[in-house]
Amino acid sequence: MSTFRAVVRFSLVATLLIAVPSASPRAQDAEPEAPATSDAPAKAKPRPKPKPPAPKPAAKPAAVTPAAAHATWPTGASTVSESYGDWTMTCTRPSEKVTCIVAQSQGDSQTGRRKFGVELQVPNDGRSEGIVLMPFGLSIEAGVTFKLDEQNLGKGAPYSLCMSDGCLVPISFPTLALDGMRNAKKLFVTGQKSSGSEPATITVPLEGFPQALDRAVALSG
């Protein structure tokens, strides 16, 4: 069975939470004072003039990927859709407000039926809202779990409702999870088969995800 990729559009609900550890500041060391001398009185020497502080080096600009560097809209266009590896990026601008998503879909190219999809909006207030479309035949009560390569991602998420293509799982990833997706090779989404205890895992390749996300962020302004 081969797969095809398309943009999946759903309503978004936040559910998945991941804790972000905080870093503690480092203390600064105080410089010791010079020791005093007990020599005979002598003619005081003039104090040397303090040297002017060395100029601070200019800050280096943050690295920008080529996809994000050219954040321009085609003249007269209200929608921009681009592909990056296994992911698509779509931005719409029906008015002054821009909405951008990154998405991946998998299904049967012969029948054109979609069996799986994942969609994420650009981060807002430190989180990215999204939705996962899971195929039929899975236990609704068990929900789904996520893993980046060999590392678990959060505590899982429950289903919200089912539609003609499958059942929906709302997700909400913090920027820490998105950073993990930038560096990982694969995202694994696992559900529980309704016929028994055997798990059903869907592999989501992450090639092109960083470029698609950077481009979506740039176009969203």
C-alpha atoms as a PDB file:
ATOM      1  CA  MET A   1       0.000   0.000   0.000  1.00  0.00           C
ATOM      2  CA  SER A   2       1.483   3.392  -0.966  1.00  0.00           C
ATOM      3  CA  THR A   3       0.853   6.685   0.758  1.00  0.00           C
ATOM      4  CA  PHE A   4      -0.052  10.156  -0.402  1.00  0.00           C
ATOM      5  CA  ARG A   5       0.264  13.506   1.313  1.00  0.00           C
ATOM      6  CA  ALA A   6      -2.405  16.218   1.563  1.00  0.00           C
ATOM      7  CA  VAL A   7      -3.408  19.056   3.838  1.00  0.00           C
ATOM      8  CA  VAL A   8      -5.914  18.088   6.542  1.00  0.00           C
ATOM      9  CA  ARG A   9      -8.109  20.840   7.991  1.00  0.00           C
ATOM     10  CA  PHE A  10      -9.936  20.301  11.314  1.00  0.00           C
ATOM     11  CA  SER A  11     -11.077  22.383  14.282  1.00  0.00           C
ATOM     12  CA  LEU A  12      -8.419  22.506  16.995  1.00  0.00           C
ATOM     13  CA  VAL A  13      -8.721  21.682  20.739  1.00  0.00           C
ATOM     14  CA  ALA A  14      -5.854  21.703  23.307  1.00  0.00           C
ATOM     15  CA  THR A  15      -5.316  18.505  25.344  1.00  0.00           C
ATOM     16  CA  LEU A  16      -1.713  17.234  25.382  1.00  0.00           C
ATOM     17  CA  LEU A  17       0.552  18.781  28.072  1.00  0.00           C
ATOM     18  CA  ILE A  18       4.344  18.399  28.463  1.00  0.00           C
ATOM     19  CA  ALA A  19       6.336  19.884  31.362  1.00  0.00           C
ATOM     20  CA  VAL A  20       9.260  22.180  30.532  1.00  0.00           C
ATOM     21  CA  PRO A  21      12.144  22.191  33.063  1.00  0.00           C
ATOM     22  CA  SER A  22      13.482  25.544  34.209  1.00  0.00           C
ATOM     23  CA  ALA A  23      17.164  26.511  34.370  1.00  0.00           C
ATOM     24  CA  SER A  24      18.811  28.098  37.427  1.00  0.00           C
ATOM     25  CA  PRO A  25      20.968  31.243  36.996  1.00  0.00           C
ATOM     26  CA  ARG A  26      24.713  31.144  37.656  1.00  0.00           C
ATOM     27  CA  ALA A  27      26.234  33.400  40.362  1.00  0.00           C
ATOM     28  CA  GLN A  28      29.022  35.851  39.446  1.00  0.00           C
ATOM     29  CA  ASP A  29      32.429  35.721  41.248  1.00  0.00           C
ATOM     30  CA  ALA A  30      33.677  38.913  42.957  1.00  0.00           C
ATOM     31  CA  GLU A  31      37.214  40.120  42.177  1.00  0.00           C
ATOM     32  CA  PRO A  32      39.629  40.159  45.245  1.00  0.00           C
ATOM     33  CA  GLU A  33      41.039  43.492  46.361  1.00  0.00           C
ATOM     34  CA  ALA A  34      44.813  44.203  46.054  1.00  0.00           C
ATOM     35  CA  PRO A  35      46.746  43.840  49.397  1.00  0.00           C
ATOM     36  CA  ALA A  36      47.922  47.046  51.167  1.00  0.00           C
ATOM     37  CA  THR A  37      51.710  47.768  51.699  1.00  0.00           C
ATOM     38  CA  SER A  38      53.478  49.163  54.804  1.00  0.00           C
ATOM     39  CA  ASP A  39      56.464  51.012  53.167  1.00  0.00           C
ATOM     40  CA  ALA A  40      57.854  54.396  54.422  1.00  0.00           C
ATOM     41  CA  PRO A  41      55.994  57.492  53.356  1.00  0.00           C
ATOM     42  CA  ALA A  42      56.859  58.356  49.792  1.00  0.00           C
ATOM     43  CA  LYS A  43      55.704  60.744  47.205  1.00  0.00           C
ATOM     44  CA  ALA A  44      52.360  59.649  45.998  1.00  0.00           C
ATOM     45  CA  LYS A  45      52.305  58.598  42.400  1.00  0.00           C
ATOM     46  CA  PRO A  46      49.463  59.744  40.236  1.00  0.00           C
ATOM     47  CA  ARG A  47      46.893  57.114  39.599  1.00  0.00           C
ATOM     48  CA  PRO A  48      46.782  55.856  36.034  1.00  0.00           C
ATOM     49  CA  LYS A  49      43.767  56.861  34.066  1.00  0.00           C
ATOM     50  CA  PRO A  50      41.276  54.022  33.702  1.00  0.00           C
ATOM     51  CA  LYS A  51      41.229  52.399  30.295  1.00  0.00           C
ATOM     52  CA  PRO A  52      38.029  52.785  28.346  1.00  0.00           C
ATOM     53  CA  PRO A  53      35.958  49.595  28.273  1.00  0.00           C
ATOM     54  CA  ALA A  54      36.478  47.397  25.261  1.00  0.00           C
ATOM     55  CA  PRO A  55      33.647  47.612  22.748  1.00  0.00           C
ATOM     56  CA  LYS A  56      31.225  44.717  22.839  1.00  0.00           C
ATOM     57  CA  PRO A  57      31.239  42.484  19.776  1.00  0.00           C
ATOM     58  CA  ALA A  58      28.260  42.902  17.516  1.00  0.00           C
ATOM     59  CA  ALA A  59      25.587  40.282  18.050  1.00  0.00           C
ATOM     60  CA  LYS A  60      25.351  37.688  15.331  1.00  0.00           C
ATOM     61  CA  PRO A  61      21.985  37.498  13.602  1.00  0.00           C
ATOM     62  CA  ALA A  62      19.926  34.383  14.230  1.00  0.00           C
ATOM     63  CA  ALA A  63      20.213  31.725  11.576  1.00  0.00           C
ATOM     64  CA  VAL A  64      17.309  31.676   9.141  1.00  0.00           C
ATOM     65  CA  THR A  65      16.537  28.765   6.873  1.00  0.00           C
ATOM     66  CA  PRO A  66      16.276  29.524   3.128  1.00  0.00           C
ATOM     67  CA  ALA A  67      12.560  28.627   3.213  1.00  0.00           C
ATOM     68  CA  ALA A  68      11.843  31.165   5.935  1.00  0.00           C
ATOM     69  CA  ALA A  69      14.078  33.894   4.496  1.00  0.00           C
ATOM     70  CA  HIS A  70      11.788  34.605   1.524  1.00  0.00           C
ATOM     71  CA  ALA A  71       8.536  35.235   3.396  1.00  0.00           C
ATOM     72  CA  THR A  72       6.689  36.958   0.557  1.00  0.00           C
ATOM     73  CA  TRP A  73       3.178  36.377  -0.706  1.00  0.00           C
ATOM     74  CA  PRO A  74       2.504  35.999  -4.445  1.00  0.00           C
ATOM     75  CA  THR A  75       0.754  39.072  -5.778  1.00  0.00           C
ATOM     76  CA  GLY A  76      -3.005  38.735  -5.426  1.00  0.00           C
ATOM     77  CA  ALA A  77      -2.851  35.283  -3.797  1.00  0.00           C
ATOM     78  CA  SER A  78      -4.965  34.448  -0.755  1.00  0.00           C
ATOM     79  CA  THR A  79      -3.460  30.958  -0.236  1.00  0.00           C
ATOM     80  CA  VAL A  80       0.117  29.658  -0.297  1.00  0.00           C
ATOM     81  CA  SER A  81       0.722  25.887  -0.252  1.00  0.00           C
ATOM     82  CA  GLU A  82       4.198  24.320  -0.406  1.00  0.00           C
ATOM     83  CA  SER A  83       5.718  20.868   0.147  1.00  0.00           C
ATOM     84  CA  TYR A  84       8.826  20.118   2.209  1.00  0.00           C
ATOM     85  CA  GLY A  85       9.853  16.465   2.325  1.00  0.00           C
ATOM     86  CA  ASP A  86       6.997  14.500   3.897  1.00  0.00           C
ATOM     87  CA  TRP A  87       5.135  17.648   5.036  1.00  0.00           C
ATOM     88  CA  THR A  88       2.993  20.334   3.480  1.00  0.00           C
ATOM     89  CA  MET A  89       2.704  23.945   4.587  1.00  0.00           C
ATOM     90  CA  THR A  90      -0.479  25.916   3.872  1.00  0.00           C
ATOM     91  CA  CYS A  91      -1.201  29.546   4.731  1.00  0.00           C
ATOM     92  CA  THR A  92      -4.486  31.336   4.021  1.00  0.00           C
ATOM     93  CA  ARG A  93      -5.073  35.082   4.069  1.00  0.00           C
ATOM     94  CA  PRO A  94      -8.720  35.774   3.291  1.00  0.00           C
ATOM     95  CA  SER A  95      -8.369  39.117   5.091  1.00  0.00           C
ATOM     96  CA  GLU A  96      -5.656  40.782   7.179  1.00  0.00           C
ATOM     97  CA  LYS A  97      -5.374  37.734   9.462  1.00  0.00           C
ATOM     98  CA  VAL A  98      -3.067  34.930   8.304  1.00  0.00           C
ATOM     99  CA  THR A  99      -3.619  31.285   9.327  1.00  0.00           C
ATOM    100  CA  CYS A 100      -0.815  28.755   8.720  1.00  0.00           C
ATOM    101  CA  ILE A 101      -0.585  25.009   9.321  1.00  0.00           C
ATOM    102  CA  VAL A 102       1.867  22.179   8.673  1.00  0.00           C
ATOM    103  CA  ALA A 103       0.379  18.770   7.927  1.00  0.00           C
ATOM    104  CA  GLN A 104       0.964  15.227   6.737  1.00  0.00           C
ATOM    105  CA  SER A 105      -1.574  12.671   5.499  1.00  0.00           C
ATOM    106  CA  GLN A 106      -1.299   8.968   4.731  1.00  0.00           C
ATOM    107  CA  GLY A 107      -3.725   6.775   2.823  1.00  0.00           C
ATOM    108  CA  ASP A 108      -4.365   4.587  -0.202  1.00  0.00           C
ATOM    109  CA  SER A 109      -3.272   6.257  -3.442  1.00  0.00           C
ATOM    110  CA  GLN A 110      -5.433   3.857  -5.511  1.00  0.00           C
ATOM    111  CA  THR A 111      -8.695   4.615  -3.748  1.00  0.00           C
ATOM    112  CA  GLY A 112      -7.769   8.142  -2.662  1.00  0.00           C
ATOM    113  CA  ARG A 113      -8.993   7.385   0.842  1.00  0.00           C
ATOM    114  CA  ARG A 114      -7.172   9.063   3.705  1.00  0.00           C
ATOM    115  CA  LYS A 115      -6.520   6.811   6.730  1.00  0.00           C
ATOM    116  CA  PHE A 116      -4.275   8.997   8.888  1.00  0.00           C
ATOM    117  CA  GLY A 117      -3.461  12.679   9.198  1.00  0.00           C
ATOM    118  CA  VAL A 118      -1.730  15.111  11.555  1.00  0.00           C
ATOM    119  CA  GLU A 119      -2.003  18.889  11.519  1.00  0.00           C
ATOM    120  CA  LEU A 120      -0.261  21.549  13.621  1.00  0.00           C
ATOM    121  CA  GLN A 121      -0.753  25.293  13.676  1.00  0.00           C
ATOM    122  CA  VAL A 122       2.158  27.704  14.078  1.00  0.00           C
ATOM    123  CA  PRO A 123       3.087  28.226  17.762  1.00  0.00           C
ATOM    124  CA  ASN A 124       1.140  30.822  19.729  1.00  0.00           C
ATOM    125  CA  ASP A 125       1.903  31.693  23.371  1.00  0.00           C
ATOM    126  CA  GLY A 126       4.411  28.849  23.556  1.00  0.00           C
ATOM    127  CA  ARG A 127       2.112  26.094  22.221  1.00  0.00           C
ATOM    128  CA  SER A 128       1.033  24.634  18.901  1.00  0.00           C
ATOM    129  CA  GLU A 129      -2.558  23.411  18.656  1.00  0.00           C
ATOM    130  CA  GLY A 130      -3.411  20.589  16.290  1.00  0.00           C
ATOM    131  CA  ILE A 131      -5.380  17.467  15.499  1.00  0.00           C
ATOM    132  CA  VAL A 132      -4.642  13.822  14.630  1.00  0.00           C
ATOM    133  CA  LEU A 133      -6.922  11.689  12.446  1.00  0.00           C
ATOM    134  CA  MET A 134      -6.733   7.997  13.427  1.00  0.00           C
ATOM    135  CA  PRO A 135      -8.180   5.086  11.389  1.00  0.00           C
ATOM    136  CA  PHE A 136     -11.197   3.027  12.440  1.00  0.00           C
ATOM    137  CA  GLY A 137     -10.796  -0.247  14.329  1.00  0.00           C
ATOM    138  CA  LEU A 138      -9.041   1.178  17.401  1.00  0.00           C
ATOM    139  CA  SER A 139     -10.218   1.301  21.007  1.00  0.00           C
ATOM    140  CA  ILE A 140     -11.668   4.720  21.808  1.00  0.00           C
ATOM    141  CA  GLU A 141     -11.215   4.293  25.567  1.00  0.00           C
ATOM    142  CA  ALA A 142      -7.446   3.710  25.282  1.00  0.00           C
ATOM    143  CA  GLY A 143      -6.683   6.963  23.443  1.00  0.00           C
ATOM    144  CA  VAL A 144      -3.320   7.362  21.702  1.00  0.00           C
ATOM    145  CA  THR A 145       0.299   7.837  22.778  1.00  0.00           C
ATOM    146  CA  PHE A 146       3.199   9.603  21.065  1.00  0.00           C
ATOM    147  CA  LYS A 147       6.908   8.868  20.792  1.00  0.00           C
ATOM    148  CA  LEU A 148       9.784  10.733  19.109  1.00  0.00           C
ATOM    149  CA  ASP A 149      12.259   8.071  17.980  1.00  0.00           C
ATOM    150  CA  GLU A 150      12.775   6.225  21.299  1.00  0.00           C
ATOM    151  CA  GLN A 151      11.537   8.975  23.653  1.00  0.00           C
ATOM    152  CA  ASN A 152       7.966   9.196  24.931  1.00  0.00           C
ATOM    153  CA  LEU A 153       6.186  12.450  24.138  1.00  0.00           C
ATOM    154  CA  GLY A 154       3.795  13.489  26.904  1.00  0.00           C
ATOM    155  CA  LYS A 155       1.237  11.196  28.538  1.00  0.00           C
ATOM    156  CA  GLY A 156      -0.984  10.584  25.537  1.00  0.00           C
ATOM    157  CA  ALA A 157      -4.292  12.082  24.460  1.00  0.00           C
ATOM    158  CA  PRO A 158      -7.965  10.962  24.282  1.00  0.00           C
ATOM    159  CA  TYR A 159     -10.277  10.863  21.273  1.00  0.00           C
ATOM    160  CA  SER A 160     -12.860  13.614  20.868  1.00  0.00           C
ATOM    161  CA  LEU A 161     -15.190  12.385  18.093  1.00  0.00           C
ATOM    162  CA  CYS A 162     -15.380  10.246  14.951  1.00  0.00           C
ATOM    163  CA  MET A 163     -16.221  11.300  11.391  1.00  0.00           C
ATOM    164  CA  SER A 164     -16.421   9.643   7.974  1.00  0.00           C
ATOM    165  CA  ASP A 165     -12.625   9.334   7.553  1.00  0.00           C
ATOM    166  CA  GLY A 166     -11.765   8.202  11.094  1.00  0.00           C
ATOM    167  CA  CYS A 167     -11.593   9.449  14.690  1.00  0.00           C
ATOM    168  CA  LEU A 168     -10.059  12.727  15.875  1.00  0.00           C
ATOM    169  CA  VAL A 169      -7.528  13.301  18.661  1.00  0.00           C
ATOM    170  CA  PRO A 170      -6.954  16.979  19.581  1.00  0.00           C
ATOM    171  CA  ILE A 171      -3.361  17.763  20.579  1.00  0.00           C
ATOM    172  CA  SER A 172      -1.477  20.723  22.017  1.00  0.00           C
ATOM    173  CA  PHE A 173       2.338  20.605  21.763  1.00  0.00           C
ATOM    174  CA  PRO A 174       4.599  23.069  23.631  1.00  0.00           C
ATOM    175  CA  THR A 175       7.591  24.532  21.811  1.00  0.00           C
ATOM    176  CA  LEU A 176       9.792  21.980  23.614  1.00  0.00           C
ATOM    177  CA  ALA A 177       7.980  19.192  21.746  1.00  0.00           C
ATOM    178  CA  LEU A 178       8.332  21.052  18.431  1.00  0.00           C
ATOM    179  CA  ASP A 179      12.083  21.382  19.038  1.00  0.00           C
ATOM    180  CA  GLY A 180      12.176  17.630  19.589  1.00  0.00           C
ATOM    181  CA  MET A 181      10.353  17.067  16.303  1.00  0.00           C
ATOM    182  CA  ARG A 182      12.949  19.202  14.522  1.00  0.00           C
ATOM    183  CA  ASN A 183      15.768  16.894  15.630  1.00  0.00           C
ATOM    184  CA  ALA A 184      14.006  13.504  15.572  1.00  0.00           C
ATOM    185  CA  LYS A 185      13.681  11.203  12.565  1.00  0.00           C
ATOM    186  CA  LYS A 186      10.192   9.793  13.177  1.00  0.00           C
ATOM    187  CA  LEU A 187       7.065  10.430  15.222  1.00  0.00           C
ATOM    188  CA  PHE A 188       5.229   7.274  16.324  1.00  0.00           C
ATOM    189  CA  VAL A 189       1.485   7.476  17.063  1.00  0.00           C
ATOM    190  CA  THR A 190       0.163   4.360  18.822  1.00  0.00           C
ATOM    191  CA  GLY A 191      -3.412   3.293  19.451  1.00  0.00           C
ATOM    192  CA  GLN A 192      -4.974   0.140  20.871  1.00  0.00           C
ATOM    193  CA  LYS A 193      -6.751  -2.314  18.572  1.00  0.00           C
ATOM    194  CA  SER A 194     -10.382  -2.817  19.594  1.00  0.00           C
ATOM    195  CA  SER A 195     -10.186  -6.562  18.917  1.00  0.00           C
ATOM    196  CA  GLY A 196      -7.543  -7.194  21.598  1.00  0.00           C
ATOM    197  CA  SER A 197      -4.560  -5.835  23.485  1.00  0.00           C
ATOM    198  CA  GLU A 198      -2.283  -5.604  20.436  1.00  0.00           C
ATOM    199  CA  PRO A 199      -1.101  -2.031  19.731  1.00  0.00           C
ATOM    200  CA  ALA A 200      -1.351  -0.365  16.329  1.00  0.00           C
ATOM    201  CA  THR A 201       1.494   2.078  15.597  1.00  0.00           C
ATOM    202  CA  ILE A 202       1.577   4.606  12.753  1.00  0.00           C
ATOM    203  CA  THR A 203       4.984   5.929  11.682  1.00  0.00           C
ATOM    204  CA  VAL A 204       5.136   9.625  10.765  1.00  0.00           C
ATOM    205  CA  PRO A 205       8.371  10.617   8.953  1.00  0.00           C
ATOM    206  CA  LEU A 206       9.695  14.021  10.063  1.00  0.00           C
ATOM    207  CA  GLU A 207      11.784  14.841   7.001  1.00  0.00           C
ATOM    208  CA  GLY A 208      10.955  18.396   5.941  1.00  0.00           C
ATOM    209  CA  PHE A 209       9.135  19.280   9.165  1.00  0.00           C
ATOM    210  CA  PRO A 210      11.633  21.971  10.335  1.00  0.00           C
ATOM    211  CA  GLN A 211      11.578  23.718   6.945  1.00  0.00           C
ATOM    212  CA  ALA A 212       7.777  23.569   6.687  1.00  0.00           C
ATOM    213  CA  LEU A 213       7.352  24.963  10.216  1.00  0.00           C
ATOM    214  CA  ASP A 214       9.908  27.758   9.680  1.00  0.00           C
ATOM    215  CA  ARG A 215       8.182  28.762   6.448  1.00  0.00           C
ATOM    216  CA  ALA A 216       4.753  28.757   8.095  1.00  0.00           C
ATOM    217  CA  VAL A 217       6.035  30.912  10.962  1.00  0.00           C
ATOM    218  CA  ALA A 218       7.630  33.372   8.535  1.00  0.00           C
ATOM    219  CA  LEU A 219       4.505  33.738   6.398  1.00  0.00           C
ATOM    220  CA  SER A 220       2.246  34.106   9.420  1.00  0.00           C
ATOM    221  CA  GLY A 221       4.143  37.278  10.297  1.00  0.00           C
END
